C-alpha atoms as a PDB file:
ATOM      1  CA  MET A   1    -202.814 168.769 -11.677  1.00  0.00           C
ATOM      2  CA  ARG A   2    -201.914 166.792 -14.772  1.00  0.00           C
ATOM      3  CA  LEU A   3    -204.363 165.469 -17.476  1.00  0.00           C
ATOM      4  CA  GLY A   4    -204.080 161.754 -18.365  1.00  0.00           C
ATOM      5  CA  LEU A   5    -205.486 158.203 -19.964  1.00  0.00           C
ATOM      6  CA  GLY A   6    -206.802 155.333 -18.259  1.00  0.00           C
ATOM      7  CA  SER A   7    -206.707 152.131 -19.658  1.00  0.00           C
ATOM      8  CA  TYR A   8    -210.483 151.905 -18.370  1.00  0.00           C
ATOM      9  CA  SER A   9    -210.913 154.736 -21.216  1.00  0.00           C
ATOM     10  CA  PHE A  10    -210.616 151.737 -23.500  1.00  0.00           C
ATOM     11  CA  ARG A  11    -211.905 148.771 -21.902  1.00  0.00           C
ATOM     12  CA  TRP A  12    -214.088 147.320 -25.057  1.00  0.00           C
ATOM     13  CA  SER A  13    -211.184 148.139 -26.918  1.00  0.00           C
ATOM     14  CA  ILE A  14    -208.624 146.182 -25.174  1.00  0.00           C
ATOM     15  CA  GLY A  15    -211.177 143.512 -23.970  1.00  0.00           C
ATOM     16  CA  HIS A  16    -213.760 143.020 -20.935  1.00  0.00           C
ATOM     17  CA  LYS A  17    -215.473 140.150 -19.508  1.00  0.00           C
ATOM     18  CA  GLY A  18    -214.964 137.605 -22.594  1.00  0.00           C
ATOM     19  CA  LEU A  19    -215.887 140.652 -24.967  1.00  0.00           C
ATOM     20  CA  ASN A  20    -212.583 140.887 -26.926  1.00  0.00           C
ATOM     21  CA  PRO A  21    -212.097 142.435 -29.995  1.00  0.00           C
ATOM     22  CA  PRO A  22    -210.246 140.797 -33.112  1.00  0.00           C
ATOM     23  CA  THR A  23    -207.129 142.761 -32.124  1.00  0.00           C
ATOM     24  CA  PRO A  24    -207.220 144.082 -28.878  1.00  0.00           C
ATOM     25  CA  MET A  25    -205.331 147.534 -27.979  1.00  0.00           C
ATOM     26  CA  ARG A  26    -201.611 147.336 -27.234  1.00  0.00           C
ATOM     27  CA  PRO A  27    -200.205 148.829 -24.221  1.00  0.00           C
ATOM     28  CA  ILE A  28    -197.795 150.759 -26.298  1.00  0.00           C
ATOM     29  CA  GLU A  29    -201.165 152.474 -28.397  1.00  0.00           C
ATOM     30  CA  LEU A  30    -202.361 154.019 -25.353  1.00  0.00           C
ATOM     31  CA  ILE A  31    -198.960 156.173 -25.576  1.00  0.00           C
ATOM     32  CA  ASP A  32    -200.058 157.381 -29.110  1.00  0.00           C
ATOM     33  CA  ILE A  33    -203.171 158.153 -27.933  1.00  0.00           C
ATOM     34  CA  ALA A  34    -201.790 160.164 -25.311  1.00  0.00           C
ATOM     35  CA  VAL A  35    -199.811 161.947 -27.703  1.00  0.00           C
ATOM     36  CA  GLN A  36    -202.744 162.779 -30.080  1.00  0.00           C
ATOM     37  CA  HIS A  37    -204.508 164.397 -27.277  1.00  0.00           C
ATOM     38  CA  ASP A  38    -201.479 166.073 -25.598  1.00  0.00           C
ATOM     39  CA  LEU A  39    -201.507 163.917 -22.332  1.00  0.00           C
ATOM     40  CA  SER A  40    -198.942 163.970 -20.088  1.00  0.00           C
ATOM     41  CA  VAL A  41    -200.046 160.580 -18.142  1.00  0.00           C
ATOM     42  CA  VAL A  42    -200.727 157.373 -19.123  1.00  0.00           C
ATOM     43  CA  GLN A  43    -202.551 154.904 -16.260  1.00  0.00           C
ATOM     44  CA  TYR A  44    -202.242 151.225 -17.274  1.00  0.00           C
ATOM     45  CA  ALA A  45    -204.756 149.352 -14.570  1.00  0.00           C
ATOM     46  CA  ASP A  46    -205.779 145.799 -14.357  1.00  0.00           C
ATOM     47  CA  ASN A  47    -207.924 145.224 -17.555  1.00  0.00           C
ATOM     48  CA  MET A  48    -204.294 146.317 -19.298  1.00  0.00           C
ATOM     49  CA  PRO A  49    -201.901 143.888 -16.968  1.00  0.00           C
ATOM     50  CA  LEU A  50    -198.208 144.678 -17.928  1.00  0.00           C
ATOM     51  CA  ASP A  51    -196.827 141.868 -15.689  1.00  0.00           C
ATOM     52  CA  ASN A  52    -197.361 139.766 -18.656  1.00  0.00           C
ATOM     53  CA  LEU A  53    -195.021 141.933 -20.300  1.00  0.00           C
ATOM     54  CA  SER A  54    -191.468 140.703 -21.387  1.00  0.00           C
ATOM     55  CA  THR A  55    -188.371 142.512 -20.123  1.00  0.00           C
ATOM     56  CA  VAL A  56    -187.392 143.794 -24.291  1.00  0.00           C
ATOM     57  CA  GLU A  57    -191.618 144.792 -24.244  1.00  0.00           C
ATOM     58  CA  LEU A  58    -191.336 146.689 -21.195  1.00  0.00           C
ATOM     59  CA  ASP A  59    -188.271 148.861 -22.109  1.00  0.00           C
ATOM     60  CA  GLN A  60    -190.021 149.514 -25.214  1.00  0.00           C
ATOM     61  CA  LEU A  61    -192.828 150.810 -23.768  1.00  0.00           C
ATOM     62  CA  PHE A  62    -190.556 153.084 -21.351  1.00  0.00           C
ATOM     63  CA  HIS A  63    -188.663 154.087 -23.979  1.00  0.00           C
ATOM     64  CA  LYS A  64    -191.487 154.934 -25.853  1.00  0.00           C
ATOM     65  CA  ALA A  65    -193.010 156.748 -23.062  1.00  0.00           C
ATOM     66  CA  GLU A  66    -189.858 158.556 -22.408  1.00  0.00           C
ATOM     67  CA  GLN A  67    -189.489 160.077 -25.790  1.00  0.00           C
ATOM     68  CA  SER A  68    -193.155 160.785 -26.132  1.00  0.00           C
ATOM     69  CA  GLY A  69    -192.815 162.878 -23.155  1.00  0.00           C
ATOM     70  CA  VAL A  70    -195.679 161.078 -21.020  1.00  0.00           C
ATOM     71  CA  ASP A  71    -195.295 159.392 -17.379  1.00  0.00           C
ATOM     72  CA  ILE A  72    -196.526 156.071 -16.542  1.00  0.00           C
ATOM     73  CA  GLU A  73    -198.705 154.718 -13.878  1.00  0.00           C
ATOM     74  CA  LEU A  74    -199.855 151.713 -13.148  1.00  0.00           C
ATOM     75  CA  GLY A  75    -202.517 149.574 -11.353  1.00  0.00           C
ATOM     76  CA  VAL A  76    -204.060 146.153  -9.827  1.00  0.00           C
ATOM     77  CA  GLN A  77    -207.106 144.928  -8.712  1.00  0.00           C
ATOM     78  CA  SER A  78    -207.681 143.754  -5.448  1.00  0.00           C
ATOM     79  CA  PHE A  79    -204.509 143.631  -2.919  1.00  0.00           C
ATOM     80  CA  ASN A  80    -202.058 140.700  -3.183  1.00  0.00           C
ATOM     81  CA  ALA A  81    -198.626 141.664  -1.406  1.00  0.00           C
ATOM     82  CA  ALA A  82    -196.642 139.262  -3.932  1.00  0.00           C
ATOM     83  CA  GLN A  83    -198.101 140.842  -6.986  1.00  0.00           C
ATOM     84  CA  VAL A  84    -197.380 144.394  -5.461  1.00  0.00           C
ATOM     85  CA  VAL A  85    -194.122 143.815  -4.984  1.00  0.00           C
ATOM     86  CA  GLN A  86    -193.858 142.978  -8.832  1.00  0.00           C
ATOM     87  CA  TYR A  87    -195.691 145.719  -9.825  1.00  0.00           C
ATOM     88  CA  ILE A  88    -193.079 147.948  -7.663  1.00  0.00           C
ATOM     89  CA  SER A  89    -190.618 146.469  -9.359  1.00  0.00           C
ATOM     90  CA  ILE A  90    -192.233 147.247 -12.965  1.00  0.00           C
ATOM     91  CA  SER A  91    -192.970 150.605 -11.685  1.00  0.00           C
ATOM     92  CA  GLN A  92    -189.168 151.069 -11.368  1.00  0.00           C
ATOM     93  CA  ARG A  93    -188.466 149.701 -14.553  1.00  0.00           C
ATOM     94  CA  LEU A  94    -190.943 152.187 -16.114  1.00  0.00           C
ATOM     95  CA  ASN A  95    -190.065 154.940 -14.199  1.00  0.00           C
ATOM     96  CA  ALA A  96    -193.708 154.828 -12.830  1.00  0.00           C
ATOM     97  CA  LYS A  97    -194.667 156.870  -9.345  1.00  0.00           C
ATOM     98  CA  ILE A  98    -198.093 155.790  -8.773  1.00  0.00           C
ATOM     99  CA  LEU A  99    -199.461 152.297  -8.337  1.00  0.00           C
ATOM    100  CA  ARG A 100    -203.198 152.027  -7.919  1.00  0.00           C
ATOM    101  CA  VAL A 101    -204.487 149.462  -6.190  1.00  0.00           C
ATOM    102  CA  ALA A 102    -208.425 148.552  -5.725  1.00  0.00           C
ATOM    103  CA  LEU A 103    -209.427 146.805  -2.450  1.00  0.00           C
ATOM    104  CA  ASP A 104    -211.929 144.087  -3.759  1.00  0.00           C
ATOM    105  CA  GLY A 105    -213.063 140.881  -2.585  1.00  0.00           C
ATOM    106  CA  PRO A 106    -211.320 139.051   0.432  1.00  0.00           C
ATOM    107  CA  ASP A 107    -208.674 141.620   0.893  1.00  0.00           C
ATOM    108  CA  ALA A 108    -211.492 144.282   1.554  1.00  0.00           C
ATOM    109  CA  GLU A 109    -212.747 142.027   4.139  1.00  0.00           C
ATOM    110  CA  LYS A 110    -209.627 141.860   6.189  1.00  0.00           C
ATOM    111  CA  PRO A 111    -209.966 143.407   9.698  1.00  0.00           C
ATOM    112  CA  LEU A 112    -208.564 146.954   9.450  1.00  0.00           C
ATOM    113  CA  ASP A 113    -205.428 146.436  11.649  1.00  0.00           C
ATOM    114  CA  VAL A 114    -204.481 143.433   8.971  1.00  0.00           C
ATOM    115  CA  LEU A 115    -205.071 145.147   6.391  1.00  0.00           C
ATOM    116  CA  ALA A 116    -202.990 148.119   7.389  1.00  0.00           C
ATOM    117  CA  ALA A 117    -200.139 146.027   8.801  1.00  0.00           C
ATOM    118  CA  GLU A 118    -199.727 144.221   5.255  1.00  0.00           C
ATOM    119  CA  PHE A 119    -199.638 147.425   3.917  1.00  0.00           C
ATOM    120  CA  ARG A 120    -197.079 148.838   6.027  1.00  0.00           C
ATOM    121  CA  ALA A 121    -194.583 145.844   5.453  1.00  0.00           C
ATOM    122  CA  LEU A 122    -194.558 147.111   1.942  1.00  0.00           C
ATOM    123  CA  LEU A 123    -192.978 150.853   2.837  1.00  0.00           C
ATOM    124  CA  PRO A 124    -189.271 149.243   2.658  1.00  0.00           C
ATOM    125  CA  HIS A 125    -190.065 148.411  -0.880  1.00  0.00           C
ATOM    126  CA  LEU A 126    -192.259 151.558  -2.222  1.00  0.00           C
ATOM    127  CA  GLU A 127    -189.608 154.170  -0.522  1.00  0.00           C
ATOM    128  CA  ALA A 128    -186.826 152.116  -2.093  1.00  0.00           C
ATOM    129  CA  ALA A 129    -188.578 152.738  -5.510  1.00  0.00           C
ATOM    130  CA  ASN A 130    -189.792 156.021  -4.632  1.00  0.00           C
ATOM    131  CA  VAL A 131    -193.230 154.562  -5.848  1.00  0.00           C
ATOM    132  CA  ARG A 132    -196.531 155.981  -3.828  1.00  0.00           C
ATOM    133  CA  LEU A 133    -198.888 153.005  -3.319  1.00  0.00           C
ATOM    134  CA  ALA A 134    -203.006 154.672  -4.213  1.00  0.00           C
ATOM    135  CA  ILE A 135    -205.750 152.533  -2.871  1.00  0.00           C
ATOM    136  CA  GLU A 136    -208.547 153.557  -4.987  1.00  0.00           C
ATOM    137  CA  ASN A 137    -212.404 153.496  -3.451  1.00  0.00           C
ATOM    138  CA  HIS A 138    -213.728 150.855  -5.283  1.00  0.00           C
ATOM    139  CA  PHE A 139    -217.808 150.533  -5.392  1.00  0.00           C
ATOM    140  CA  ASN A 140    -218.174 148.284  -2.271  1.00  0.00           C
ATOM    141  CA  TYR A 141    -215.464 150.026   0.464  1.00  0.00           C
ATOM    142  CA  PRO A 142    -216.982 153.148   2.505  1.00  0.00           C
ATOM    143  CA  ALA A 143    -214.958 155.972   2.224  1.00  0.00           C
ATOM    144  CA  PRO A 144    -214.982 156.360   6.372  1.00  0.00           C
ATOM    145  CA  ARG A 145    -213.495 152.697   6.350  1.00  0.00           C
ATOM    146  CA  MET A 146    -210.533 153.788   3.961  1.00  0.00           C
ATOM    147  CA  VAL A 147    -209.921 157.016   6.027  1.00  0.00           C
ATOM    148  CA  GLN A 148    -209.469 154.554   8.720  1.00  0.00           C
ATOM    149  CA  LEU A 149    -207.378 152.340   6.833  1.00  0.00           C
ATOM    150  CA  LEU A 150    -205.307 155.163   6.001  1.00  0.00           C
ATOM    151  CA  GLU A 151    -204.983 156.582   9.237  1.00  0.00           C
ATOM    152  CA  LEU A 152    -203.444 153.609  10.790  1.00  0.00           C
ATOM    153  CA  ILE A 153    -201.111 152.951   8.079  1.00  0.00           C
ATOM    154  CA  ASP A 154    -199.846 156.728   8.828  1.00  0.00           C
ATOM    155  CA  ASN A 155    -197.158 157.071   5.935  1.00  0.00           C
ATOM    156  CA  PRO A 156    -197.316 159.383   3.196  1.00  0.00           C
ATOM    157  CA  MET A 157    -196.012 156.665   0.130  1.00  0.00           C
ATOM    158  CA  ILE A 158    -199.826 155.410   0.575  1.00  0.00           C
ATOM    159  CA  GLY A 159    -202.997 157.278  -0.211  1.00  0.00           C
ATOM    160  CA  VAL A 160    -205.819 157.369  -1.910  1.00  0.00           C
ATOM    161  CA  CYS A 161    -206.579 157.019  -5.718  1.00  0.00           C
ATOM    162  CA  LEU A 162    -209.937 158.956  -5.661  1.00  0.00           C
ATOM    163  CA  ASP A 163    -212.861 157.679  -8.318  1.00  0.00           C
ATOM    164  CA  VAL A 164    -215.250 160.113  -8.137  1.00  0.00           C
ATOM    165  CA  ALA A 165    -218.389 158.074  -8.867  1.00  0.00           C
ATOM    166  CA  ASN A 166    -217.351 154.253  -7.577  1.00  0.00           C
ATOM    167  CA  SER A 167    -218.522 155.075  -3.985  1.00  0.00           C
ATOM    168  CA  ILE A 168    -222.228 155.639  -5.123  1.00  0.00           C
ATOM    169  CA  CYS A 169    -222.432 151.542  -5.126  1.00  0.00           C
ATOM    170  CA  ALA A 170    -221.723 151.979  -1.334  1.00  0.00           C
ATOM    171  CA  GLY A 171    -224.290 154.224  -0.418  1.00  0.00           C
ATOM    172  CA  GLU A 172    -222.449 157.425  -0.854  1.00  0.00           C
ATOM    173  CA  TRP A 173    -222.975 160.421  -3.001  1.00  0.00           C
ATOM    174  CA  PRO A 174    -219.876 161.825  -5.027  1.00  0.00           C
ATOM    175  CA  MET A 175    -219.122 164.829  -2.932  1.00  0.00           C
ATOM    176  CA  GLU A 176    -219.858 162.804   0.634  1.00  0.00           C
ATOM    177  CA  THR A 177    -216.537 160.697  -1.044  1.00  0.00           C
ATOM    178  CA  VAL A 178    -214.694 163.452  -2.259  1.00  0.00           C
ATOM    179  CA  ASN A 179    -215.199 165.460   1.146  1.00  0.00           C
ATOM    180  CA  THR A 180    -214.645 162.639   2.948  1.00  0.00           C
ATOM    181  CA  LEU A 181    -210.968 161.608   1.242  1.00  0.00           C
ATOM    182  CA  ALA A 182    -210.046 164.537  -0.676  1.00  0.00           C
ATOM    183  CA  ASP A 183    -206.928 165.114   2.311  1.00  0.00           C
ATOM    184  CA  TYR A 184    -205.715 161.952   1.587  1.00  0.00           C
ATOM    185  CA  THR A 185    -206.079 161.674  -2.301  1.00  0.00           C
ATOM    186  CA  ILE A 186    -202.747 161.438  -4.371  1.00  0.00           C
ATOM    187  CA  ASN A 187    -204.279 160.376  -7.450  1.00  0.00           C
ATOM    188  CA  LEU A 188    -207.684 161.468  -9.420  1.00  0.00           C
ATOM    189  CA  HIS A 189    -210.020 158.935 -11.275  1.00  0.00           C
ATOM    190  CA  LEU A 190    -212.596 161.801 -13.312  1.00  0.00           C
ATOM    191  CA  LYS A 191    -215.585 160.616 -14.906  1.00  0.00           C
ATOM    192  CA  ASP A 192    -219.163 161.291 -15.339  1.00  0.00           C
ATOM    193  CA  TYR A 193    -222.669 159.703 -15.070  1.00  0.00           C
ATOM    194  CA  VAL A 194    -226.506 159.975 -15.169  1.00  0.00           C
ATOM    195  CA  ILE A 195    -229.395 158.599 -13.438  1.00  0.00           C
ATOM    196  CA  GLU A 196    -232.426 157.560 -15.922  1.00  0.00           C
ATOM    197  CA  PRO A 197    -235.627 156.391 -15.047  1.00  0.00           C
ATOM    198  CA  ASP A 198    -236.400 152.921 -16.155  1.00  0.00           C
ATOM    199  CA  PRO A 199    -239.252 153.617 -19.214  1.00  0.00           C
ATOM    200  CA  TYR A 200    -241.325 150.999 -17.266  1.00  0.00           C
ATOM    201  CA  GLY A 201    -241.170 153.160 -13.933  1.00  0.00           C
ATOM    202  CA  ALA A 202    -239.331 150.256 -12.193  1.00  0.00           C
ATOM    203  CA  GLY A 203    -236.449 151.649 -10.463  1.00  0.00           C
ATOM    204  CA  PHE A 204    -233.763 153.450 -12.483  1.00  0.00           C
ATOM    205  CA  VAL A 205    -230.039 153.067 -13.808  1.00  0.00           C
ATOM    206  CA  ILE A 206    -227.315 154.823 -13.087  1.00  0.00           C
ATOM    207  CA  HIS A 207    -224.405 154.685 -16.266  1.00  0.00           C
ATOM    208  CA  GLY A 208    -221.824 156.505 -17.765  1.00  0.00           C
ATOM    209  CA  CYS A 209    -221.589 159.887 -20.227  1.00  0.00           C
ATOM    210  CA  PRO A 210    -218.736 161.987 -21.392  1.00  0.00           C
ATOM    211  CA  LEU A 211    -217.351 164.590 -18.818  1.00  0.00           C
ATOM    212  CA  GLY A 212    -219.414 167.670 -18.345  1.00  0.00           C
ATOM    213  CA  GLN A 213    -222.403 165.965 -19.315  1.00  0.00           C
ATOM    214  CA  GLY A 214    -223.838 164.322 -16.404  1.00  0.00           C
ATOM    215  CA  ARG A 215    -224.380 165.282 -12.553  1.00  0.00           C
ATOM    216  CA  SER A 216    -220.634 164.925 -11.135  1.00  0.00           C
ATOM    217  CA  ASP A 217    -219.756 168.114 -10.204  1.00  0.00           C
ATOM    218  CA  CYS A 218    -216.388 168.394 -11.772  1.00  0.00           C
ATOM    219  CA  SER A 219    -215.571 172.064 -10.481  1.00  0.00           C
ATOM    220  CA  ALA A 220    -216.505 171.411  -6.817  1.00  0.00           C
ATOM    221  CA  ILE A 221    -214.695 167.970  -6.874  1.00  0.00           C
ATOM    222  CA  LEU A 222    -211.284 169.977  -7.855  1.00  0.00           C
ATOM    223  CA  ASP A 223    -211.887 172.879  -5.706  1.00  0.00           C
ATOM    224  CA  ARG A 224    -211.937 170.241  -2.828  1.00  0.00           C
ATOM    225  CA  LEU A 225    -208.765 168.441  -3.640  1.00  0.00           C
ATOM    226  CA  PRO A 226    -205.029 169.549  -2.701  1.00  0.00           C
ATOM    227  CA  LYS A 227    -203.358 171.909  -5.187  1.00  0.00           C
ATOM    228  CA  THR A 228    -200.699 169.695  -5.973  1.00  0.00           C
ATOM    229  CA  ASP A 229    -199.284 168.110  -9.507  1.00  0.00           C
ATOM    230  CA  MET A 230    -201.369 164.879  -8.930  1.00  0.00           C
ATOM    231  CA  SER A 231    -202.699 163.437 -11.811  1.00  0.00           C
ATOM    232  CA  VAL A 232    -206.131 163.444 -12.865  1.00  0.00           C
ATOM    233  CA  ILE A 233    -206.794 160.412 -15.149  1.00  0.00           C
ATOM    234  CA  MET A 234    -209.770 160.660 -17.699  1.00  0.00           C
ATOM    235  CA  GLU A 235    -212.135 157.445 -17.471  1.00  0.00           C
ATOM    236  CA  HIS A 236    -215.650 156.673 -18.001  1.00  0.00           C
ATOM    237  CA  TRP A 237    -218.259 153.950 -17.896  1.00  0.00           C
ATOM    238  CA  LEU A 238    -219.341 153.742 -21.574  1.00  0.00           C
ATOM    239  CA  PRO A 239    -222.092 150.933 -21.710  1.00  0.00           C
ATOM    240  CA  ARG A 240    -221.640 147.933 -24.034  1.00  0.00           C
ATOM    241  CA  SER A 241    -223.199 147.548 -27.260  1.00  0.00           C
ATOM    242  CA  GLU A 242    -224.869 145.435 -29.559  1.00  0.00           C
ATOM    243  CA  ASN A 243    -222.353 146.507 -31.743  1.00  0.00           C
ATOM    244  CA  MET A 244    -219.819 146.300 -29.960  1.00  0.00           C
ATOM    245  CA  GLU A 245    -217.244 147.898 -33.230  1.00  0.00           C
ATOM    246  CA  ASP A 246    -219.812 151.267 -32.442  1.00  0.00           C
ATOM    247  CA  ALA A 247    -218.707 151.140 -28.617  1.00  0.00           C
ATOM    248  CA  ARG A 248    -215.026 150.633 -29.606  1.00  0.00           C
ATOM    249  CA  ALA A 249    -215.478 153.507 -31.542  1.00  0.00           C
ATOM    250  CA  ASN A 250    -217.474 155.714 -29.540  1.00  0.00           C
ATOM    251  CA  GLU A 251    -214.560 155.454 -26.613  1.00  0.00           C
ATOM    252  CA  HIS A 252    -212.846 157.396 -28.989  1.00  0.00           C
ATOM    253  CA  VAL A 253    -215.808 159.778 -29.292  1.00  0.00           C
ATOM    254  CA  TRP A 254    -216.051 160.050 -25.372  1.00  0.00           C
ATOM    255  CA  LEU A 255    -212.310 160.778 -24.576  1.00  0.00           C
ATOM    256  CA  ALA A 256    -212.395 163.802 -27.369  1.00  0.00           C
ATOM    257  CA  GLN A 257    -215.274 164.964 -25.524  1.00  0.00           C
ATOM    258  CA  SER A 258    -214.370 164.685 -21.848  1.00  0.00           C
ATOM    259  CA  LEU A 259    -210.955 166.139 -22.489  1.00  0.00           C
ATOM    260  CA  ASP A 260    -212.749 169.501 -24.568  1.00  0.00           C
ATOM    261  CA  TYR A 261    -214.972 169.897 -21.443  1.00  0.00           C
ATOM    262  CA  ALA A 262    -212.216 169.164 -19.200  1.00  0.00           C
ATOM    263  CA  ARG A 263    -209.836 171.798 -20.633  1.00  0.00           C
ATOM    264  CA  LYS A 264    -212.350 174.316 -21.626  1.00  0.00           C
ATOM    265  CA  SER A 265    -214.693 174.193 -18.465  1.00  0.00           C
ATOM    266  CA  LEU A 266    -212.404 173.140 -15.683  1.00  0.00           C
ATOM    267  CA  GLY A 267    -209.174 174.787 -17.150  1.00  0.00           C
ATOM    268  CA  LEU A 268    -207.026 171.471 -16.782  1.00  0.00           C
END
């Protein structure tokens, strides 16, 4: 497995839902951060879209990554076949071998046979570009339904981007999700979380924390997954802050702490 950096590790530094810094982090800066932490992969998700870059900028990003020994992966939000074809082309330009898709909204509600047929129609594009499509278990897409979808697609070019905590929102505990999707997994999003009671006793809240400081059983997760060279993309759910400059600084702190745990305690 290869440790990598996901753009959602820097949602506040990039800008998220209108909370934009004066100078948003640029795609090429993620390469520098990956090199600083001796990481071999950067995954650009939908919070840092690359389809708005010029061909010159894409080529600059590719050469920067190549010279730095960093592999690029891409990601989009929601399934739009035309957008996926566009991103397959961008993947080919950047020599990216993984394109992650997060099912969300109307696309997640389509009948399984319809959705599977739409994915299968992309196979010639994926095979020509040598790009594998990794479908992420997003917040409201249950793992058993994902398995049904993948079995209908039935092609090794399309697998799972396993996020170890997302499916709590779908009523699944992380190891339930991991055990259901492990055999289909080609890409991993690793993060940690805590569950804290409301101070007034009115329920509880789930929020992120650095890896190794919460409830994710990272060793059990890794033990359950196939032993391949898939990338392990570091993400986290750092909460927003009243002082967003503090939040942006803490993104670097959380990444460093998570990587320290991943290397020393998980052997990644």
